[in-house]
Amino acid sequence: MVSASRRWALVFNGEIYNSHELIGHFGLNPDSLRSTSDTEVLVESIDRAGIRPVLDRALGMFAIAAYDTVERRLWLTRDRLGIKPLYALQSGRGVAFASEARAFHGCPLFTGRGNPAAAYRCLDRLSVDPDSSILTGVEQVRPGELRGYTAHGPGRVEPERHQHWSIPAAPSSNRSRMRGSRWKNSRL
């Protein structure tokens, strides 16, 4: 979906649970929206305030690719707990993204090689490291992570990473009560 101003283009997989709250918080006019879609609320909120303030408030399960046509910057992000998957591939020729690793097999940026170390870890631990995949060069975007890719001409892409959300640490008083006790006896 493209914002009404044509500045932002958004690819969105998921659901924003508090889209009505975003309408009020970012001062969107509900009558000017073209649909009742949470995708439109998201792209118009990003257009109004920028991606970081919207991620601070958006609650839901999602994977988002948002392209800023003015700054020529692609943003990739996942929900706080990583419910929706998102993979990225950056090479000297550009950036590609998909919701599953096997989608890169048809991508001209993909070298066509597997990642033997990641495949072994997957077999050994029944999981792959959080920002890896079994395909060489293909990485998972971490839960709560925001990745930016700015184009500086053909084949020149500058990446950046930010953690927009992480699990808060438990208060120390709860941790000390849990040590040495069983769940049935704890007062959490």
N, C-alpha and C. Protein backbone atom coordinates (compact mmCIF):
# COMPACT_ATOMS: atom_id res chain seq x y z
N MET A 1 0.85 -1.17 0.00
CA MET A 1 0.00 0.00 0.00
C MET A 1 0.90 1.23 0.00
N VAL A 2 0.47 2.26 -0.70
CA VAL A 2 1.20 3.51 -0.80
C VAL A 2 0.44 4.58 -0.02
N SER A 3 1.19 5.42 0.70
CA SER A 3 0.55 6.50 1.46
C SER A 3 -0.08 7.51 0.50
N ALA A 4 -1.04 8.27 1.01
CA ALA A 4 -1.73 9.27 0.19
C ALA A 4 -0.76 10.30 -0.38
N SER A 5 0.31 10.60 0.36
CA SER A 5 1.31 11.57 -0.11
C SER A 5 2.24 10.97 -1.16
N ARG A 6 2.20 9.66 -1.31
CA ARG A 6 3.06 8.89 -2.22
C ARG A 6 4.50 8.79 -1.71
N ARG A 7 4.77 9.25 -0.49
CA ARG A 7 6.13 9.17 0.04
C ARG A 7 6.48 7.76 0.49
N TRP A 8 5.55 7.05 1.11
CA TRP A 8 5.83 5.74 1.70
C TRP A 8 5.11 4.63 0.95
N ALA A 9 5.83 3.54 0.73
CA ALA A 9 5.24 2.31 0.19
C ALA A 9 5.45 1.23 1.25
N LEU A 10 4.40 0.47 1.53
CA LEU A 10 4.43 -0.48 2.64
C LEU A 10 4.02 -1.87 2.18
N VAL A 11 4.82 -2.86 2.59
CA VAL A 11 4.44 -4.26 2.47
C VAL A 11 4.25 -4.73 3.90
N PHE A 12 3.09 -5.28 4.19
CA PHE A 12 2.72 -5.58 5.58
C PHE A 12 2.11 -6.97 5.67
N ASN A 13 2.63 -7.77 6.59
CA ASN A 13 2.08 -9.08 6.88
C ASN A 13 1.75 -9.11 8.37
N GLY A 14 0.49 -9.23 8.70
CA GLY A 14 0.14 -9.31 10.11
C GLY A 14 -1.11 -8.54 10.45
N GLU A 15 -1.14 -8.09 11.70
CA GLU A 15 -2.31 -7.38 12.21
C GLU A 15 -1.86 -6.41 13.29
N ILE A 16 -2.38 -5.20 13.23
CA ILE A 16 -2.14 -4.19 14.27
C ILE A 16 -3.38 -4.18 15.15
N TYR A 17 -3.22 -4.55 16.41
CA TYR A 17 -4.36 -4.67 17.32
C TYR A 17 -4.92 -3.31 17.75
N ASN A 18 -4.07 -2.30 17.81
CA ASN A 18 -4.50 -0.99 18.31
C ASN A 18 -4.52 0.07 17.20
N SER A 19 -4.97 -0.30 16.01
CA SER A 19 -4.96 0.65 14.90
C SER A 19 -5.85 1.86 15.19
N HIS A 20 -6.97 1.68 15.90
CA HIS A 20 -7.83 2.83 16.23
C HIS A 20 -7.11 3.81 17.15
N GLU A 21 -6.29 3.28 18.05
CA GLU A 21 -5.50 4.14 18.93
C GLU A 21 -4.47 4.93 18.11
N LEU A 22 -3.87 4.31 17.10
CA LEU A 22 -2.89 5.00 16.26
C LEU A 22 -3.54 6.16 15.50
N ILE A 23 -4.78 5.97 15.06
CA ILE A 23 -5.50 7.04 14.36
C ILE A 23 -5.57 8.29 15.23
N GLY A 24 -5.97 8.12 16.48
CA GLY A 24 -6.07 9.26 17.39
C GLY A 24 -4.72 9.81 17.79
N HIS A 25 -3.78 8.94 18.10
CA HIS A 25 -2.48 9.40 18.57
C HIS A 25 -1.72 10.20 17.51
N PHE A 26 -1.79 9.76 16.26
CA PHE A 26 -1.04 10.44 15.20
C PHE A 26 -1.89 11.45 14.44
N GLY A 27 -3.10 11.73 14.95
CA GLY A 27 -3.93 12.79 14.39
C GLY A 27 -4.43 12.53 12.98
N LEU A 28 -4.70 11.28 12.66
CA LEU A 28 -5.24 10.96 11.34
C LEU A 28 -6.73 11.26 11.31
N ASN A 29 -7.22 11.72 10.19
CA ASN A 29 -8.65 11.96 10.02
C ASN A 29 -9.28 10.67 9.51
N PRO A 30 -10.10 9.99 10.32
CA PRO A 30 -10.71 8.72 9.88
C PRO A 30 -11.51 8.86 8.59
N ASP A 31 -12.09 10.04 8.35
CA ASP A 31 -12.89 10.25 7.14
C ASP A 31 -12.02 10.35 5.88
N SER A 32 -10.74 10.66 6.05
CA SER A 32 -9.87 10.79 4.88
C SER A 32 -9.21 9.45 4.50
N LEU A 33 -9.36 8.43 5.35
CA LEU A 33 -8.80 7.12 5.03
C LEU A 33 -9.61 6.46 3.93
N ARG A 34 -8.94 5.79 3.03
CA ARG A 34 -9.59 5.17 1.88
C ARG A 34 -10.22 3.82 2.21
N SER A 35 -9.84 3.24 3.36
CA SER A 35 -10.33 1.91 3.72
C SER A 35 -10.43 1.81 5.23
N THR A 36 -10.80 0.65 5.71
CA THR A 36 -10.81 0.38 7.15
C THR A 36 -9.64 -0.53 7.53
N SER A 37 -8.68 -0.64 6.66
CA SER A 37 -7.54 -1.55 6.83
C SER A 37 -6.52 -1.02 7.83
N ASP A 38 -6.01 -1.91 8.67
CA ASP A 38 -4.93 -1.52 9.57
C ASP A 38 -3.65 -1.22 8.79
N THR A 39 -3.52 -1.74 7.58
CA THR A 39 -2.37 -1.44 6.73
C THR A 39 -2.36 0.04 6.37
N GLU A 40 -3.52 0.57 6.02
CA GLU A 40 -3.60 1.99 5.68
C GLU A 40 -3.32 2.86 6.90
N VAL A 41 -3.85 2.48 8.04
CA VAL A 41 -3.58 3.24 9.27
C VAL A 41 -2.08 3.26 9.53
N LEU A 42 -1.44 2.13 9.34
CA LEU A 42 0.00 2.02 9.57
C LEU A 42 0.79 2.90 8.61
N VAL A 43 0.52 2.82 7.31
CA VAL A 43 1.29 3.59 6.34
C VAL A 43 1.03 5.09 6.51
N GLU A 44 -0.19 5.49 6.84
CA GLU A 44 -0.47 6.91 7.04
C GLU A 44 0.13 7.42 8.35
N SER A 45 0.18 6.58 9.37
CA SER A 45 0.84 6.97 10.63
C SER A 45 2.34 7.15 10.41
N ILE A 46 2.94 6.23 9.66
CA ILE A 46 4.37 6.35 9.35
C ILE A 46 4.62 7.61 8.53
N ASP A 47 3.75 7.90 7.59
CA ASP A 47 3.88 9.10 6.77
C ASP A 47 3.80 10.36 7.63
N ARG A 48 2.96 10.33 8.64
CA ARG A 48 2.76 11.49 9.50
C ARG A 48 3.90 11.66 10.50
N ALA A 49 4.38 10.54 11.12
CA ALA A 49 5.30 10.67 12.25
C ALA A 49 6.67 10.02 12.05
N GLY A 50 6.82 9.16 11.06
CA GLY A 50 8.06 8.40 10.89
C GLY A 50 7.90 7.01 11.46
N ILE A 51 8.77 6.12 11.07
CA ILE A 51 8.59 4.72 11.43
C ILE A 51 8.87 4.44 12.91
N ARG A 52 9.86 5.08 13.50
CA ARG A 52 10.21 4.77 14.89
C ARG A 52 9.11 5.13 15.88
N PRO A 53 8.51 6.32 15.82
CA PRO A 53 7.42 6.61 16.75
C PRO A 53 6.22 5.67 16.58
N VAL A 54 5.96 5.25 15.36
CA VAL A 54 4.85 4.32 15.13
C VAL A 54 5.17 2.96 15.75
N LEU A 55 6.39 2.49 15.60
CA LEU A 55 6.76 1.20 16.19
C LEU A 55 6.71 1.24 17.72
N ASP A 56 6.98 2.40 18.29
CA ASP A 56 6.88 2.54 19.75
C ASP A 56 5.45 2.31 20.25
N ARG A 57 4.46 2.57 19.41
CA ARG A 57 3.06 2.49 19.82
C ARG A 57 2.30 1.30 19.25
N ALA A 58 2.75 0.77 18.11
CA ALA A 58 2.01 -0.30 17.43
C ALA A 58 2.10 -1.61 18.20
N LEU A 59 0.94 -2.19 18.45
CA LEU A 59 0.85 -3.49 19.12
C LEU A 59 0.25 -4.48 18.14
N GLY A 60 0.86 -5.63 18.05
CA GLY A 60 0.33 -6.64 17.14
C GLY A 60 1.37 -7.66 16.77
N MET A 61 1.05 -8.41 15.74
CA MET A 61 2.00 -9.37 15.18
C MET A 61 2.19 -8.97 13.72
N PHE A 62 3.46 -8.72 13.35
CA PHE A 62 3.68 -8.17 12.02
C PHE A 62 5.11 -8.31 11.55
N ALA A 63 5.25 -8.28 10.25
CA ALA A 63 6.52 -8.09 9.56
C ALA A 63 6.24 -6.95 8.57
N ILE A 64 7.11 -5.96 8.56
CA ILE A 64 6.88 -4.76 7.76
C ILE A 64 8.11 -4.44 6.92
N ALA A 65 7.86 -4.10 5.68
CA ALA A 65 8.87 -3.48 4.82
C ALA A 65 8.28 -2.14 4.42
N ALA A 66 8.94 -1.05 4.77
CA ALA A 66 8.46 0.30 4.47
C ALA A 66 9.55 1.03 3.71
N TYR A 67 9.21 1.54 2.54
CA TYR A 67 10.18 2.27 1.72
C TYR A 67 9.84 3.75 1.70
N ASP A 68 10.82 4.56 2.07
CA ASP A 68 10.70 6.02 2.07
C ASP A 68 11.26 6.51 0.73
N THR A 69 10.40 6.97 -0.16
CA THR A 69 10.83 7.37 -1.50
C THR A 69 11.63 8.67 -1.50
N VAL A 70 11.50 9.50 -0.46
CA VAL A 70 12.24 10.75 -0.37
C VAL A 70 13.68 10.48 0.07
N GLU A 71 13.84 9.74 1.16
CA GLU A 71 15.17 9.44 1.68
C GLU A 71 15.82 8.23 1.02
N ARG A 72 15.05 7.55 0.16
CA ARG A 72 15.52 6.33 -0.53
C ARG A 72 16.05 5.31 0.49
N ARG A 73 15.22 5.07 1.51
CA ARG A 73 15.61 4.16 2.59
C ARG A 73 14.52 3.11 2.76
N LEU A 74 14.96 1.85 2.82
CA LEU A 74 14.08 0.73 3.08
C LEU A 74 14.21 0.35 4.55
N TRP A 75 13.07 0.21 5.22
CA TRP A 75 13.04 -0.22 6.62
C TRP A 75 12.39 -1.59 6.69
N LEU A 76 13.03 -2.52 7.39
CA LEU A 76 12.47 -3.85 7.65
C LEU A 76 12.35 -4.01 9.16
N THR A 77 11.22 -4.52 9.62
CA THR A 77 11.03 -4.69 11.05
C THR A 77 10.06 -5.82 11.33
N ARG A 78 10.18 -6.36 12.53
CA ARG A 78 9.26 -7.40 13.00
C ARG A 78 8.62 -6.98 14.30
N ASP A 79 7.54 -7.67 14.63
CA ASP A 79 6.84 -7.39 15.88
C ASP A 79 7.75 -7.70 17.07
N ARG A 80 7.29 -7.29 18.21
CA ARG A 80 8.10 -7.38 19.44
C ARG A 80 8.54 -8.79 19.80
N LEU A 81 7.69 -9.77 19.55
CA LEU A 81 8.03 -11.15 19.91
C LEU A 81 8.44 -12.00 18.71
N GLY A 82 8.42 -11.43 17.54
CA GLY A 82 8.86 -12.16 16.35
C GLY A 82 7.88 -13.22 15.88
N ILE A 83 6.59 -12.96 16.05
CA ILE A 83 5.58 -13.94 15.64
C ILE A 83 5.58 -14.10 14.13
N LYS A 84 5.65 -12.98 13.41
CA LYS A 84 5.69 -13.03 11.95
C LYS A 84 7.15 -13.06 11.50
N PRO A 85 7.51 -13.99 10.62
CA PRO A 85 8.92 -14.09 10.18
C PRO A 85 9.27 -13.04 9.13
N LEU A 86 10.56 -12.69 9.07
CA LEU A 86 11.06 -11.78 8.05
C LEU A 86 12.54 -12.06 7.84
N TYR A 87 12.92 -12.28 6.59
CA TYR A 87 14.29 -12.56 6.22
C TYR A 87 14.80 -11.46 5.29
N ALA A 88 16.11 -11.19 5.35
CA ALA A 88 16.71 -10.16 4.51
C ALA A 88 18.00 -10.69 3.89
N LEU A 89 18.28 -10.22 2.69
CA LEU A 89 19.50 -10.55 1.96
C LEU A 89 20.05 -9.26 1.40
N GLN A 90 21.28 -8.92 1.79
CA GLN A 90 21.93 -7.74 1.25
C GLN A 90 23.17 -8.18 0.50
N SER A 91 23.31 -7.69 -0.70
CA SER A 91 24.52 -7.95 -1.48
C SER A 91 24.99 -6.64 -2.07
N GLY A 92 26.06 -6.68 -2.81
CA GLY A 92 26.57 -5.48 -3.47
C GLY A 92 25.62 -4.94 -4.52
N ARG A 93 24.61 -5.74 -4.88
CA ARG A 93 23.67 -5.31 -5.92
C ARG A 93 22.33 -4.86 -5.36
N GLY A 94 22.12 -4.94 -4.05
CA GLY A 94 20.86 -4.47 -3.50
C GLY A 94 20.42 -5.26 -2.28
N VAL A 95 19.14 -5.13 -1.96
CA VAL A 95 18.53 -5.77 -0.79
C VAL A 95 17.26 -6.48 -1.24
N ALA A 96 17.04 -7.67 -0.70
CA ALA A 96 15.81 -8.41 -0.94
C ALA A 96 15.26 -8.86 0.41
N PHE A 97 13.95 -9.06 0.49
CA PHE A 97 13.34 -9.52 1.73
C PHE A 97 12.20 -10.46 1.40
N ALA A 98 11.88 -11.33 2.36
CA ALA A 98 10.80 -12.29 2.17
C ALA A 98 10.37 -12.83 3.53
N SER A 99 9.20 -13.45 3.55
CA SER A 99 8.69 -14.00 4.80
C SER A 99 9.17 -15.43 5.04
N GLU A 100 9.83 -16.03 4.08
CA GLU A 100 10.42 -17.35 4.28
C GLU A 100 11.71 -17.46 3.48
N ALA A 101 12.67 -18.21 3.99
CA ALA A 101 14.00 -18.28 3.39
C ALA A 101 13.97 -18.89 1.99
N ARG A 102 13.10 -19.84 1.76
CA ARG A 102 13.11 -20.50 0.46
C ARG A 102 12.71 -19.58 -0.69
N ALA A 103 12.10 -18.45 -0.39
CA ALA A 103 11.73 -17.49 -1.44
C ALA A 103 12.96 -16.92 -2.14
N PHE A 104 14.13 -16.96 -1.51
CA PHE A 104 15.34 -16.39 -2.10
C PHE A 104 15.92 -17.25 -3.21
N HIS A 105 15.45 -18.48 -3.33
CA HIS A 105 15.98 -19.34 -4.39
C HIS A 105 15.76 -18.76 -5.78
N GLY A 106 14.74 -17.98 -5.98
CA GLY A 106 14.49 -17.35 -7.27
C GLY A 106 15.03 -15.94 -7.37
N CYS A 107 15.71 -15.47 -6.35
CA CYS A 107 16.19 -14.09 -6.29
C CYS A 107 17.56 -13.96 -6.95
N PRO A 108 17.74 -13.00 -7.86
CA PRO A 108 19.05 -12.84 -8.51
C PRO A 108 20.17 -12.42 -7.56
N LEU A 109 19.85 -11.91 -6.37
CA LEU A 109 20.88 -11.53 -5.41
C LEU A 109 21.44 -12.73 -4.64
N PHE A 110 20.72 -13.85 -4.66
CA PHE A 110 21.11 -15.03 -3.88
C PHE A 110 22.17 -15.83 -4.63
N THR A 111 23.22 -16.24 -3.89
CA THR A 111 24.33 -16.98 -4.49
C THR A 111 23.98 -18.43 -4.77
N GLY A 112 22.92 -18.94 -4.17
CA GLY A 112 22.53 -20.33 -4.38
C GLY A 112 23.25 -21.30 -3.47
N ARG A 113 23.92 -20.80 -2.45
CA ARG A 113 24.66 -21.68 -1.54
C ARG A 113 23.96 -21.80 -0.20
N GLY A 114 24.06 -22.98 0.35
CA GLY A 114 23.56 -23.20 1.70
C GLY A 114 24.60 -22.79 2.72
N ASN A 115 24.20 -22.72 3.97
CA ASN A 115 25.07 -22.36 5.09
C ASN A 115 25.25 -23.62 5.92
N PRO A 116 26.30 -24.44 5.67
CA PRO A 116 26.46 -25.72 6.36
C PRO A 116 26.52 -25.59 7.89
N ALA A 117 27.19 -24.55 8.39
CA ALA A 117 27.29 -24.38 9.85
C ALA A 117 25.91 -24.15 10.46
N ALA A 118 25.08 -23.32 9.82
CA ALA A 118 23.73 -23.06 10.33
C ALA A 118 22.86 -24.31 10.20
N ALA A 119 23.01 -25.06 9.12
CA ALA A 119 22.24 -26.29 8.96
C ALA A 119 22.62 -27.31 10.04
N TYR A 120 23.90 -27.40 10.36
CA TYR A 120 24.33 -28.31 11.42
C TYR A 120 23.75 -27.88 12.76
N ARG A 121 23.81 -26.56 13.06
CA ARG A 121 23.23 -26.07 14.32
C ARG A 121 21.74 -26.36 14.37
N CYS A 122 21.07 -26.26 13.24
CA CYS A 122 19.63 -26.55 13.18
C CYS A 122 19.37 -28.02 13.52
N LEU A 123 20.16 -28.89 12.99
CA LEU A 123 20.00 -30.32 13.28
C LEU A 123 20.37 -30.64 14.73
N ASP A 124 21.41 -29.97 15.23
CA ASP A 124 21.88 -30.23 16.59
C ASP A 124 20.95 -29.66 17.65
N ARG A 125 20.44 -28.44 17.43
CA ARG A 125 19.63 -27.75 18.44
C ARG A 125 18.16 -27.62 18.07
N LEU A 126 17.79 -28.06 16.89
CA LEU A 126 16.43 -27.94 16.36
C LEU A 126 16.02 -26.49 16.18
N SER A 127 17.00 -25.61 16.01
CA SER A 127 16.73 -24.20 15.71
C SER A 127 17.98 -23.60 15.06
N VAL A 128 17.77 -22.46 14.43
CA VAL A 128 18.86 -21.72 13.82
C VAL A 128 19.09 -20.47 14.67
N ASP A 129 20.33 -20.00 14.71
CA ASP A 129 20.62 -18.78 15.47
C ASP A 129 19.68 -17.65 15.04
N PRO A 130 19.35 -16.74 15.95
CA PRO A 130 18.32 -15.73 15.69
C PRO A 130 18.51 -14.87 14.45
N ASP A 131 19.74 -14.51 14.09
CA ASP A 131 19.87 -13.69 12.89
C ASP A 131 20.55 -14.43 11.75
N SER A 132 20.39 -15.73 11.72
CA SER A 132 21.00 -16.55 10.68
C SER A 132 19.90 -17.29 9.92
N SER A 133 20.30 -18.04 8.94
CA SER A 133 19.41 -18.97 8.24
C SER A 133 20.28 -20.05 7.63
N ILE A 134 19.66 -21.05 7.05
CA ILE A 134 20.46 -22.12 6.45
C ILE A 134 20.91 -21.77 5.03
N LEU A 135 20.67 -20.53 4.61
CA LEU A 135 21.11 -20.05 3.30
C LEU A 135 22.18 -18.97 3.50
N THR A 136 23.28 -19.09 2.80
CA THR A 136 24.37 -18.13 2.91
C THR A 136 23.90 -16.73 2.51
N GLY A 137 24.15 -15.76 3.40
CA GLY A 137 23.81 -14.37 3.14
C GLY A 137 22.40 -13.97 3.53
N VAL A 138 21.55 -14.95 3.81
CA VAL A 138 20.16 -14.66 4.20
C VAL A 138 20.09 -14.64 5.73
N GLU A 139 19.60 -13.54 6.28
CA GLU A 139 19.50 -13.39 7.73
C GLU A 139 18.06 -13.19 8.15
N GLN A 140 17.75 -13.64 9.35
CA GLN A 140 16.44 -13.34 9.94
C GLN A 140 16.53 -11.95 10.57
N VAL A 141 15.50 -11.15 10.39
CA VAL A 141 15.39 -9.91 11.15
C VAL A 141 14.94 -10.34 12.54
N ARG A 142 15.62 -9.89 13.56
CA ARG A 142 15.32 -10.31 14.93
C ARG A 142 13.98 -9.74 15.40
N PRO A 143 13.33 -10.40 16.34
CA PRO A 143 12.11 -9.83 16.94
C PRO A 143 12.42 -8.45 17.53
N GLY A 144 11.56 -7.48 17.26
CA GLY A 144 11.74 -6.14 17.80
C GLY A 144 12.88 -5.35 17.16
N GLU A 145 13.41 -5.84 16.07
CA GLU A 145 14.53 -5.15 15.40
C GLU A 145 14.01 -4.29 14.25
N LEU A 146 14.68 -3.18 14.02
CA LEU A 146 14.41 -2.31 12.89
C LEU A 146 15.71 -2.19 12.10
N ARG A 147 15.65 -2.60 10.84
CA ARG A 147 16.81 -2.50 9.95
C ARG A 147 16.54 -1.46 8.88
N GLY A 148 17.51 -0.61 8.65
CA GLY A 148 17.40 0.39 7.60
C GLY A 148 18.46 0.16 6.53
N TYR A 149 18.08 0.39 5.30
CA TYR A 149 19.00 0.27 4.17
C TYR A 149 18.83 1.51 3.32
N THR A 150 19.89 2.31 3.21
CA THR A 150 19.84 3.54 2.44
C THR A 150 20.62 3.36 1.15
N ALA A 151 19.98 3.70 0.03
CA ALA A 151 20.63 3.59 -1.28
C ALA A 151 21.49 4.83 -1.54
N HIS A 152 22.75 4.58 -1.91
CA HIS A 152 23.68 5.67 -2.25
C HIS A 152 24.18 5.48 -3.67
N GLY A 153 23.30 5.15 -4.57
CA GLY A 153 23.69 4.90 -5.95
C GLY A 153 23.65 3.41 -6.25
N PRO A 154 23.88 3.05 -7.50
CA PRO A 154 23.81 1.64 -7.90
C PRO A 154 24.79 0.77 -7.12
N GLY A 155 24.27 -0.23 -6.46
CA GLY A 155 25.10 -1.19 -5.74
C GLY A 155 25.69 -0.69 -4.44
N ARG A 156 25.35 0.51 -4.01
CA ARG A 156 25.88 1.04 -2.75
C ARG A 156 24.73 1.22 -1.77
N VAL A 157 24.65 0.30 -0.81
CA VAL A 157 23.59 0.33 0.18
C VAL A 157 24.23 0.37 1.56
N GLU A 158 23.81 1.34 2.37
CA GLU A 158 24.34 1.48 3.72
C GLU A 158 23.32 0.92 4.71
N PRO A 159 23.71 -0.16 5.46
CA PRO A 159 22.76 -0.74 6.43
C PRO A 159 22.89 -0.11 7.81
N GLU A 160 21.81 -0.19 8.59
CA GLU A 160 21.83 0.20 10.00
C GLU A 160 20.85 -0.69 10.74
N ARG A 161 21.13 -0.91 12.03
CA ARG A 161 20.27 -1.76 12.86
C ARG A 161 19.94 -1.05 14.17
N HIS A 162 18.68 -1.23 14.59
CA HIS A 162 18.22 -0.67 15.86
C HIS A 162 17.30 -1.70 16.51
N GLN A 163 17.31 -1.77 17.80
CA GLN A 163 16.37 -2.62 18.52
C GLN A 163 15.26 -1.70 19.03
N HIS A 164 14.06 -1.80 18.42
CA HIS A 164 12.98 -0.89 18.84
C HIS A 164 12.23 -1.40 20.05
N TRP A 165 12.44 -2.66 20.40
CA TRP A 165 11.79 -3.20 21.59
C TRP A 165 12.54 -4.44 22.04
N SER A 166 12.64 -4.65 23.35
CA SER A 166 13.19 -5.89 23.90
C SER A 166 12.45 -6.19 25.20
N ILE A 167 12.52 -7.42 25.62
CA ILE A 167 11.82 -7.85 26.84
C ILE A 167 12.43 -7.13 28.03
N PRO A 168 11.62 -6.43 28.82
CA PRO A 168 12.16 -5.75 30.00
C PRO A 168 12.69 -6.75 31.01
N ALA A 169 13.72 -6.37 31.73
CA ALA A 169 14.28 -7.24 32.77
C ALA A 169 13.29 -7.34 33.93
N ALA A 170 13.25 -8.51 34.52
CA ALA A 170 12.38 -8.71 35.68
C ALA A 170 12.94 -7.93 36.86
N PRO A 171 12.08 -7.37 37.71
CA PRO A 171 12.58 -6.69 38.91
C PRO A 171 13.41 -7.63 39.76
N SER A 172 14.45 -7.11 40.38
CA SER A 172 15.36 -7.96 41.15
C SER A 172 14.65 -8.65 42.30
N SER A 173 13.62 -8.04 42.89
CA SER A 173 12.92 -8.68 44.01
C SER A 173 12.22 -9.97 43.56
N ASN A 174 11.68 -9.99 42.34
CA ASN A 174 11.06 -11.22 41.84
C ASN A 174 12.08 -12.30 41.57
N ARG A 175 13.25 -11.91 41.05
CA ARG A 175 14.27 -12.90 40.76
C ARG A 175 14.78 -13.55 42.03
N SER A 176 14.96 -12.77 43.09
CA SER A 176 15.50 -13.36 44.32
C SER A 176 14.47 -14.29 44.96
N ARG A 177 13.19 -13.98 44.84
CA ARG A 177 12.16 -14.87 45.40
C ARG A 177 12.08 -16.18 44.63
N MET A 178 12.38 -16.12 43.34
CA MET A 178 12.25 -17.32 42.52
C MET A 178 13.40 -18.29 42.75
N ARG A 179 14.58 -17.79 43.13
CA ARG A 179 15.71 -18.67 43.36
C ARG A 179 15.42 -19.63 44.50
N GLY A 180 15.64 -20.88 44.24
CA GLY A 180 15.49 -21.89 45.28
C GLY A 180 14.05 -22.24 45.61
N SER A 181 13.11 -21.69 44.93
CA SER A 181 11.71 -22.03 45.23
C SER A 181 11.09 -22.72 44.03
N ARG A 182 10.00 -23.35 44.24
CA ARG A 182 9.26 -23.99 43.16
C ARG A 182 8.11 -23.07 42.77
N TRP A 183 7.63 -23.21 41.55
CA TRP A 183 6.55 -22.36 41.06
C TRP A 183 5.33 -22.40 41.98
N LYS A 184 4.99 -23.58 42.47
CA LYS A 184 3.78 -23.69 43.30
C LYS A 184 3.91 -22.94 44.62
N ASN A 185 5.16 -22.67 45.07
CA ASN A 185 5.35 -21.98 46.33
C ASN A 185 5.69 -20.50 46.16
N SER A 186 5.89 -20.06 44.94
CA SER A 186 6.29 -18.66 44.75
C SER A 186 5.08 -17.74 44.78
N ARG A 187 5.31 -16.48 45.10
CA ARG A 187 4.24 -15.49 45.17
C ARG A 187 4.43 -14.46 44.05
N LEU A 188 4.42 -14.90 42.83
CA LEU A 188 4.59 -13.98 41.71
C LEU A 188 3.28 -13.38 41.47
